[in-house]
Amino acid sequence: FLESLRLDLAGEEIDVSLIHPGFVKT
């Protein structure tokens, strides 16, 4: 979803970052 939204927001110069953690001790 966010990768698709990134394409649609590019023209507005709003950036989109996805965070893909591996295993984190929580």
PDB file of all heavy atoms in Angstrom:
ATOM      1  N   PHE A   1       0.833  -1.208   0.000  1.00  0.00           N
ATOM      2  CA  PHE A   1       0.000   0.000   0.000  1.00  0.00           C
ATOM      3  C   PHE A   1       0.868   1.258   0.000  1.00  0.00           C
ATOM      4  O   PHE A   1       0.642   2.193  -0.780  1.00  0.00           O
ATOM      5  CB  PHE A   1      -0.923  -0.011   1.214  1.00  0.00           C
ATOM      6  CG  PHE A   1      -1.714   1.260   1.374  1.00  0.00           C
ATOM      7  CD1 PHE A   1      -2.931   1.420   0.725  1.00  0.00           C
ATOM      8  CD2 PHE A   1      -1.234   2.301   2.147  1.00  0.00           C
ATOM      9  CE1 PHE A   1      -3.645   2.609   0.839  1.00  0.00           C
ATOM     10  CE2 PHE A   1      -1.946   3.489   2.275  1.00  0.00           C
ATOM     11  CZ  PHE A   1      -3.152   3.638   1.620  1.00  0.00           C
ATOM     12  N   LEU A   2       1.861   1.297   0.886  1.00  0.00           N
ATOM     13  CA  LEU A   2       2.666   2.508   1.012  1.00  0.00           C
ATOM     14  C   LEU A   2       3.602   2.704  -0.180  1.00  0.00           C
ATOM     15  O   LEU A   2       3.909   3.839  -0.542  1.00  0.00           O
ATOM     16  CB  LEU A   2       3.449   2.487   2.321  1.00  0.00           C
ATOM     17  CG  LEU A   2       2.570   2.750   3.555  1.00  0.00           C
ATOM     18  CD1 LEU A   2       3.354   2.556   4.833  1.00  0.00           C
ATOM     19  CD2 LEU A   2       1.969   4.150   3.511  1.00  0.00           C
ATOM     20  N   GLU A   3       4.054   1.613  -0.779  1.00  0.00           N
ATOM     21  CA  GLU A   3       4.859   1.775  -1.987  1.00  0.00           C
ATOM     22  C   GLU A   3       4.006   2.354  -3.117  1.00  0.00           C
ATOM     23  O   GLU A   3       4.482   3.176  -3.911  1.00  0.00           O
ATOM     24  CB  GLU A   3       5.482   0.445  -2.400  1.00  0.00           C
ATOM     25  CG  GLU A   3       6.641   0.030  -1.509  1.00  0.00           C
ATOM     26  CD  GLU A   3       7.506  -1.052  -2.135  1.00  0.00           C
ATOM     27  OE1 GLU A   3       7.553  -1.128  -3.372  1.00  0.00           O
ATOM     28  OE2 GLU A   3       8.113  -1.809  -1.364  1.00  0.00           O
ATOM     29  N   SER A   4       2.750   1.930  -3.197  1.00  0.00           N
ATOM     30  CA  SER A   4       1.846   2.517  -4.189  1.00  0.00           C
ATOM     31  C   SER A   4       1.559   3.981  -3.866  1.00  0.00           C
ATOM     32  O   SER A   4       1.568   4.844  -4.755  1.00  0.00           O
ATOM     33  CB  SER A   4       0.529   1.729  -4.229  1.00  0.00           C
ATOM     34  OG  SER A   4       0.740   0.410  -4.695  1.00  0.00           O
ATOM     35  N   LEU A   5       1.309   4.267  -2.585  1.00  0.00           N
ATOM     36  CA  LEU A   5       1.032   5.642  -2.182  1.00  0.00           C
ATOM     37  C   LEU A   5       2.231   6.542  -2.457  1.00  0.00           C
ATOM     38  O   LEU A   5       2.063   7.715  -2.828  1.00  0.00           O
ATOM     39  CB  LEU A   5       0.675   5.673  -0.693  1.00  0.00           C
ATOM     40  CG  LEU A   5       0.249   7.025  -0.128  1.00  0.00           C
ATOM     41  CD1 LEU A   5      -1.041   7.511  -0.791  1.00  0.00           C
ATOM     42  CD2 LEU A   5       0.070   6.944   1.393  1.00  0.00           C
ATOM     43  N   ARG A   6       3.425   5.998  -2.289  1.00  0.00           N
ATOM     44  CA  ARG A   6       4.648   6.764  -2.573  1.00  0.00           C
ATOM     45  C   ARG A   6       4.628   7.301  -4.006  1.00  0.00           C
ATOM     46  O   ARG A   6       5.012   8.447  -4.258  1.00  0.00           O
ATOM     47  CB  ARG A   6       5.871   5.887  -2.351  1.00  0.00           C
ATOM     48  CG  ARG A   6       7.195   6.539  -2.706  1.00  0.00           C
ATOM     49  CD  ARG A   6       8.304   5.507  -2.654  1.00  0.00           C
ATOM     50  NE  ARG A   6       8.551   5.033  -1.310  1.00  0.00           N
ATOM     51  CZ  ARG A   6       9.007   3.820  -1.012  1.00  0.00           C
ATOM     52  NH1 ARG A   6       9.236   2.935  -1.986  1.00  0.00           N
ATOM     53  NH2 ARG A   6       9.230   3.474   0.236  1.00  0.00           N
ATOM     54  N   LEU A   7       4.178   6.475  -4.936  1.00  0.00           N
ATOM     55  CA  LEU A   7       4.106   6.905  -6.337  1.00  0.00           C
ATOM     56  C   LEU A   7       3.123   8.057  -6.512  1.00  0.00           C
ATOM     57  O   LEU A   7       3.379   9.008  -7.254  1.00  0.00           O
ATOM     58  CB  LEU A   7       3.700   5.723  -7.219  1.00  0.00           C
ATOM     59  CG  LEU A   7       4.639   4.510  -7.215  1.00  0.00           C
ATOM     60  CD1 LEU A   7       4.018   3.368  -8.003  1.00  0.00           C
ATOM     61  CD2 LEU A   7       5.997   4.884  -7.793  1.00  0.00           C
ATOM     62  N   ASP A   8       1.986   7.972  -5.829  1.00  0.00           N
ATOM     63  CA  ASP A   8       0.960   8.992  -5.977  1.00  0.00           C
ATOM     64  C   ASP A   8       1.314  10.292  -5.263  1.00  0.00           C
ATOM     65  O   ASP A   8       0.836  11.362  -5.650  1.00  0.00           O
ATOM     66  CB  ASP A   8      -0.380   8.466  -5.458  1.00  0.00           C
ATOM     67  CG  ASP A   8      -0.962   7.389  -6.361  1.00  0.00           C
ATOM     68  OD1 ASP A   8      -0.762   7.487  -7.584  1.00  0.00           O
ATOM     69  OD2 ASP A   8      -1.587   6.454  -5.851  1.00  0.00           O
ATOM     70  N   LEU A   9       2.151  10.209  -4.219  1.00  0.00           N
ATOM     71  CA  LEU A   9       2.518  11.411  -3.476  1.00  0.00           C
ATOM     72  C   LEU A   9       3.776  12.075  -4.017  1.00  0.00           C
ATOM     73  O   LEU A   9       4.108  13.197  -3.600  1.00  0.00           O
ATOM     74  CB  LEU A   9       2.727  11.067  -1.992  1.00  0.00           C
ATOM     75  CG  LEU A   9       1.483  10.661  -1.203  1.00  0.00           C
ATOM     76  CD1 LEU A   9       1.863  10.313   0.230  1.00  0.00           C
ATOM     77  CD2 LEU A   9       0.429  11.758  -1.223  1.00  0.00           C
ATOM     78  N   ALA A  10       4.470  11.404  -4.924  1.00  0.00           N
ATOM     79  CA  ALA A  10       5.737  11.951  -5.419  1.00  0.00           C
ATOM     80  C   ALA A  10       5.539  13.329  -6.054  1.00  0.00           C
ATOM     81  O   ALA A  10       6.369  14.234  -5.877  1.00  0.00           O
ATOM     82  CB  ALA A  10       6.370  10.998  -6.428  1.00  0.00           C
ATOM     83  N   GLY A  11       4.441  13.506  -6.760  1.00  0.00           N
ATOM     84  CA  GLY A  11       4.184  14.781  -7.399  1.00  0.00           C
ATOM     85  C   GLY A  11       3.947  15.909  -6.404  1.00  0.00           C
ATOM     86  O   GLY A  11       4.132  17.079  -6.728  1.00  0.00           O
ATOM     87  N   GLU A  12       3.533  15.545  -5.175  1.00  0.00           N
ATOM     88  CA  GLU A  12       3.333  16.548  -4.136  1.00  0.00           C
ATOM     89  C   GLU A  12       4.595  16.775  -3.312  1.00  0.00           C
ATOM     90  O   GLU A  12       4.585  17.583  -2.382  1.00  0.00           O
ATOM     91  CB  GLU A  12       2.199  16.108  -3.203  1.00  0.00           C
ATOM     92  CG  GLU A  12       0.849  15.968  -3.859  1.00  0.00           C
ATOM     93  CD  GLU A  12      -0.232  15.637  -2.846  1.00  0.00           C
ATOM     94  OE1 GLU A  12      -0.371  16.390  -1.856  1.00  0.00           O
ATOM     95  OE2 GLU A  12      -0.929  14.618  -3.028  1.00  0.00           O
ATOM     96  N   GLU A  13       5.642  16.034  -3.613  1.00  0.00           N
ATOM     97  CA  GLU A  13       6.909  16.103  -2.877  1.00  0.00           C
ATOM     98  C   GLU A  13       6.726  15.753  -1.403  1.00  0.00           C
ATOM     99  O   GLU A  13       7.300  16.388  -0.524  1.00  0.00           O
ATOM    100  CB  GLU A  13       7.558  17.478  -3.050  1.00  0.00           C
ATOM    101  CG  GLU A  13       7.938  17.766  -4.500  1.00  0.00           C
ATOM    102  CD  GLU A  13       8.684  19.075  -4.655  1.00  0.00           C
ATOM    103  OE1 GLU A  13       8.096  20.130  -4.365  1.00  0.00           O
ATOM    104  OE2 GLU A  13       9.864  19.023  -5.047  1.00  0.00           O
ATOM    105  N   ILE A  14       5.904  14.738  -1.157  1.00  0.00           N
ATOM    106  CA  ILE A  14       5.784  14.124   0.165  1.00  0.00           C
ATOM    107  C   ILE A  14       6.423  12.748   0.065  1.00  0.00           C
ATOM    108  O   ILE A  14       5.988  11.915  -0.741  1.00  0.00           O
ATOM    109  CB  ILE A  14       4.315  14.004   0.605  1.00  0.00           C
ATOM    110  CG1 ILE A  14       3.692  15.396   0.744  1.00  0.00           C
ATOM    111  CG2 ILE A  14       4.208  13.233   1.919  1.00  0.00           C
ATOM    112  CD1 ILE A  14       2.208  15.377   1.041  1.00  0.00           C
ATOM    113  N   ASP A  15       7.470  12.518   0.834  1.00  0.00           N
ATOM    114  CA  ASP A  15       8.204  11.271   0.749  1.00  0.00           C
ATOM    115  C   ASP A  15       7.579  10.198   1.630  1.00  0.00           C
ATOM    116  O   ASP A  15       6.905  10.498   2.635  1.00  0.00           O
ATOM    117  CB  ASP A  15       9.661  11.480   1.158  1.00  0.00           C
ATOM    118  CG  ASP A  15      10.399  12.392   0.188  1.00  0.00           C
ATOM    119  OD1 ASP A  15       9.999  12.454  -0.991  1.00  0.00           O
ATOM    120  OD2 ASP A  15      11.378  13.049   0.607  1.00  0.00           O
ATOM    121  N   VAL A  16       7.809   8.948   1.276  1.00  0.00           N
ATOM    122  CA  VAL A  16       7.291   7.801   2.026  1.00  0.00           C
ATOM    123  C   VAL A  16       8.438   6.830   2.282  1.00  0.00           C
ATOM    124  O   VAL A  16       9.125   6.417   1.344  1.00  0.00           O
ATOM    125  CB  VAL A  16       6.159   7.089   1.259  1.00  0.00           C
ATOM    126  CG1 VAL A  16       5.687   5.855   2.031  1.00  0.00           C
ATOM    127  CG2 VAL A  16       4.986   8.040   1.020  1.00  0.00           C
ATOM    128  N   SER A  17       8.645   6.484   3.538  1.00  0.00           N
ATOM    129  CA  SER A  17       9.667   5.509   3.916  1.00  0.00           C
ATOM    130  C   SER A  17       9.008   4.309   4.572  1.00  0.00           C
ATOM    131  O   SER A  17       8.102   4.453   5.399  1.00  0.00           O
ATOM    132  CB  SER A  17      10.672   6.113   4.899  1.00  0.00           C
ATOM    133  OG  SER A  17      11.493   7.077   4.295  1.00  0.00           O
ATOM    134  N   LEU A  18       9.481   3.133   4.201  1.00  0.00           N
ATOM    135  CA  LEU A  18       9.040   1.899   4.845  1.00  0.00           C
ATOM    136  C   LEU A  18      10.149   1.380   5.738  1.00  0.00           C
ATOM    137  O   LEU A  18      11.320   1.368   5.352  1.00  0.00           O
ATOM    138  CB  LEU A  18       8.673   0.848   3.795  1.00  0.00           C
ATOM    139  CG  LEU A  18       7.234   0.934   3.284  1.00  0.00           C
ATOM    140  CD1 LEU A  18       7.092   0.227   1.954  1.00  0.00           C
ATOM    141  CD2 LEU A  18       6.290   0.319   4.315  1.00  0.00           C
ATOM    142  N   ILE A  19       9.781   0.953   6.939  1.00  0.00           N
ATOM    143  CA  ILE A  19      10.729   0.410   7.909  1.00  0.00           C
ATOM    144  C   ILE A  19      10.501  -1.092   7.989  1.00  0.00           C
ATOM    145  O   ILE A  19       9.392  -1.545   8.300  1.00  0.00           O
ATOM    146  CB  ILE A  19      10.524   1.056   9.286  1.00  0.00           C
ATOM    147  CG1 ILE A  19      10.667   2.583   9.177  1.00  0.00           C
ATOM    148  CG2 ILE A  19      11.515   0.496  10.304  1.00  0.00           C
ATOM    149  CD1 ILE A  19      10.110   3.333  10.385  1.00  0.00           C
ATOM    150  N   HIS A  20      11.536  -1.863   7.661  1.00  0.00           N
ATOM    151  CA  HIS A  20      11.445  -3.326   7.668  1.00  0.00           C
ATOM    152  C   HIS A  20      12.454  -3.906   8.666  1.00  0.00           C
ATOM    153  O   HIS A  20      13.552  -4.308   8.273  1.00  0.00           O
ATOM    154  CB  HIS A  20      11.714  -3.890   6.269  1.00  0.00           C
ATOM    155  CG  HIS A  20      10.654  -3.582   5.254  1.00  0.00           C
ATOM    156  ND1 HIS A  20      10.796  -2.606   4.299  1.00  0.00           N
ATOM    157  CD2 HIS A  20       9.428  -4.128   5.052  1.00  0.00           C
ATOM    158  CE1 HIS A  20       9.704  -2.572   3.543  1.00  0.00           C
ATOM    159  NE2 HIS A  20       8.862  -3.484   3.982  1.00  0.00           N
ATOM    160  N   PRO A  21      12.105  -3.956   9.939  1.00  0.00           N
ATOM    161  CA  PRO A  21      13.046  -4.523  10.913  1.00  0.00           C
ATOM    162  C   PRO A  21      13.108  -6.044  10.807  1.00  0.00           C
ATOM    163  O   PRO A  21      12.132  -6.712  10.438  1.00  0.00           O
ATOM    164  CB  PRO A  21      12.450  -4.129  12.270  1.00  0.00           C
ATOM    165  CG  PRO A  21      11.313  -3.192  11.961  1.00  0.00           C
ATOM    166  CD  PRO A  21      10.880  -3.495  10.575  1.00  0.00           C
ATOM    167  N   GLY A  22      14.292  -6.579  11.136  1.00  0.00           N
ATOM    168  CA  GLY A  22      14.382  -7.998  11.419  1.00  0.00           C
ATOM    169  C   GLY A  22      13.885  -8.230  12.834  1.00  0.00           C
ATOM    170  O   GLY A  22      13.023  -7.498  13.336  1.00  0.00           O
ATOM    171  N   PHE A  23      14.426  -9.214  13.517  1.00  0.00           N
ATOM    172  CA  PHE A  23      13.999  -9.476  14.888  1.00  0.00           C
ATOM    173  C   PHE A  23      14.598  -8.427  15.827  1.00  0.00           C
ATOM    174  O   PHE A  23      15.796  -8.170  15.813  1.00  0.00           O
ATOM    175  CB  PHE A  23      14.432 -10.874  15.325  1.00  0.00           C
ATOM    176  CG  PHE A  23      13.712 -11.978  14.602  1.00  0.00           C
ATOM    177  CD1 PHE A  23      14.387 -12.806  13.721  1.00  0.00           C
ATOM    178  CD2 PHE A  23      12.356 -12.175  14.798  1.00  0.00           C
ATOM    179  CE1 PHE A  23      13.722 -13.825  13.044  1.00  0.00           C
ATOM    180  CE2 PHE A  23      11.677 -13.185  14.130  1.00  0.00           C
ATOM    181  CZ  PHE A  23      12.357 -14.006  13.253  1.00  0.00           C
ATOM    182  N   VAL A  24      13.720  -7.820  16.633  1.00  0.00           N
ATOM    183  CA  VAL A  24      14.130  -6.828  17.622  1.00  0.00           C
ATOM    184  C   VAL A  24      13.617  -7.300  18.981  1.00  0.00           C
ATOM    185  O   VAL A  24      12.474  -7.764  19.108  1.00  0.00           O
ATOM    186  CB  VAL A  24      13.553  -5.437  17.296  1.00  0.00           C
ATOM    187  CG1 VAL A  24      13.983  -4.415  18.350  1.00  0.00           C
ATOM    188  CG2 VAL A  24      13.997  -4.988  15.906  1.00  0.00           C
ATOM    189  N   LYS A  25      14.455  -7.186  19.995  1.00  0.00           N
ATOM    190  CA  LYS A  25      14.056  -7.643  21.325  1.00  0.00           C
ATOM    191  C   LYS A  25      13.064  -6.658  21.930  1.00  0.00           C
ATOM    192  O   LYS A  25      13.429  -5.566  22.367  1.00  0.00           O
ATOM    193  CB  LYS A  25      15.268  -7.801  22.243  1.00  0.00           C
ATOM    194  CG  LYS A  25      14.900  -8.313  23.632  1.00  0.00           C
ATOM    195  CD  LYS A  25      16.105  -8.642  24.466  1.00  0.00           C
ATOM    196  CE  LYS A  25      15.699  -9.009  25.898  1.00  0.00           C
ATOM    197  NZ  LYS A  25      14.645 -10.040  25.956  1.00  0.00           N
ATOM    198  N   THR A  26      11.806  -7.038  21.949  1.00  0.00           N
ATOM    199  CA  THR A  26      10.727  -6.219  22.494  1.00  0.00           C
ATOM    200  C   THR A  26       9.802  -7.127  23.303  1.00  0.00           C
ATOM    201  O   THR A  26       9.888  -8.358  23.217  1.00  0.00           O
ATOM    202  CB  THR A  26       9.912  -5.563  21.369  1.00  0.00           C
ATOM    203  OG1 THR A  26       9.192  -6.587  20.655  1.00  0.00           O
ATOM    204  CG2 THR A  26      10.806  -4.785  20.408  1.00  0.00           C
TER     205      THR A  26
END
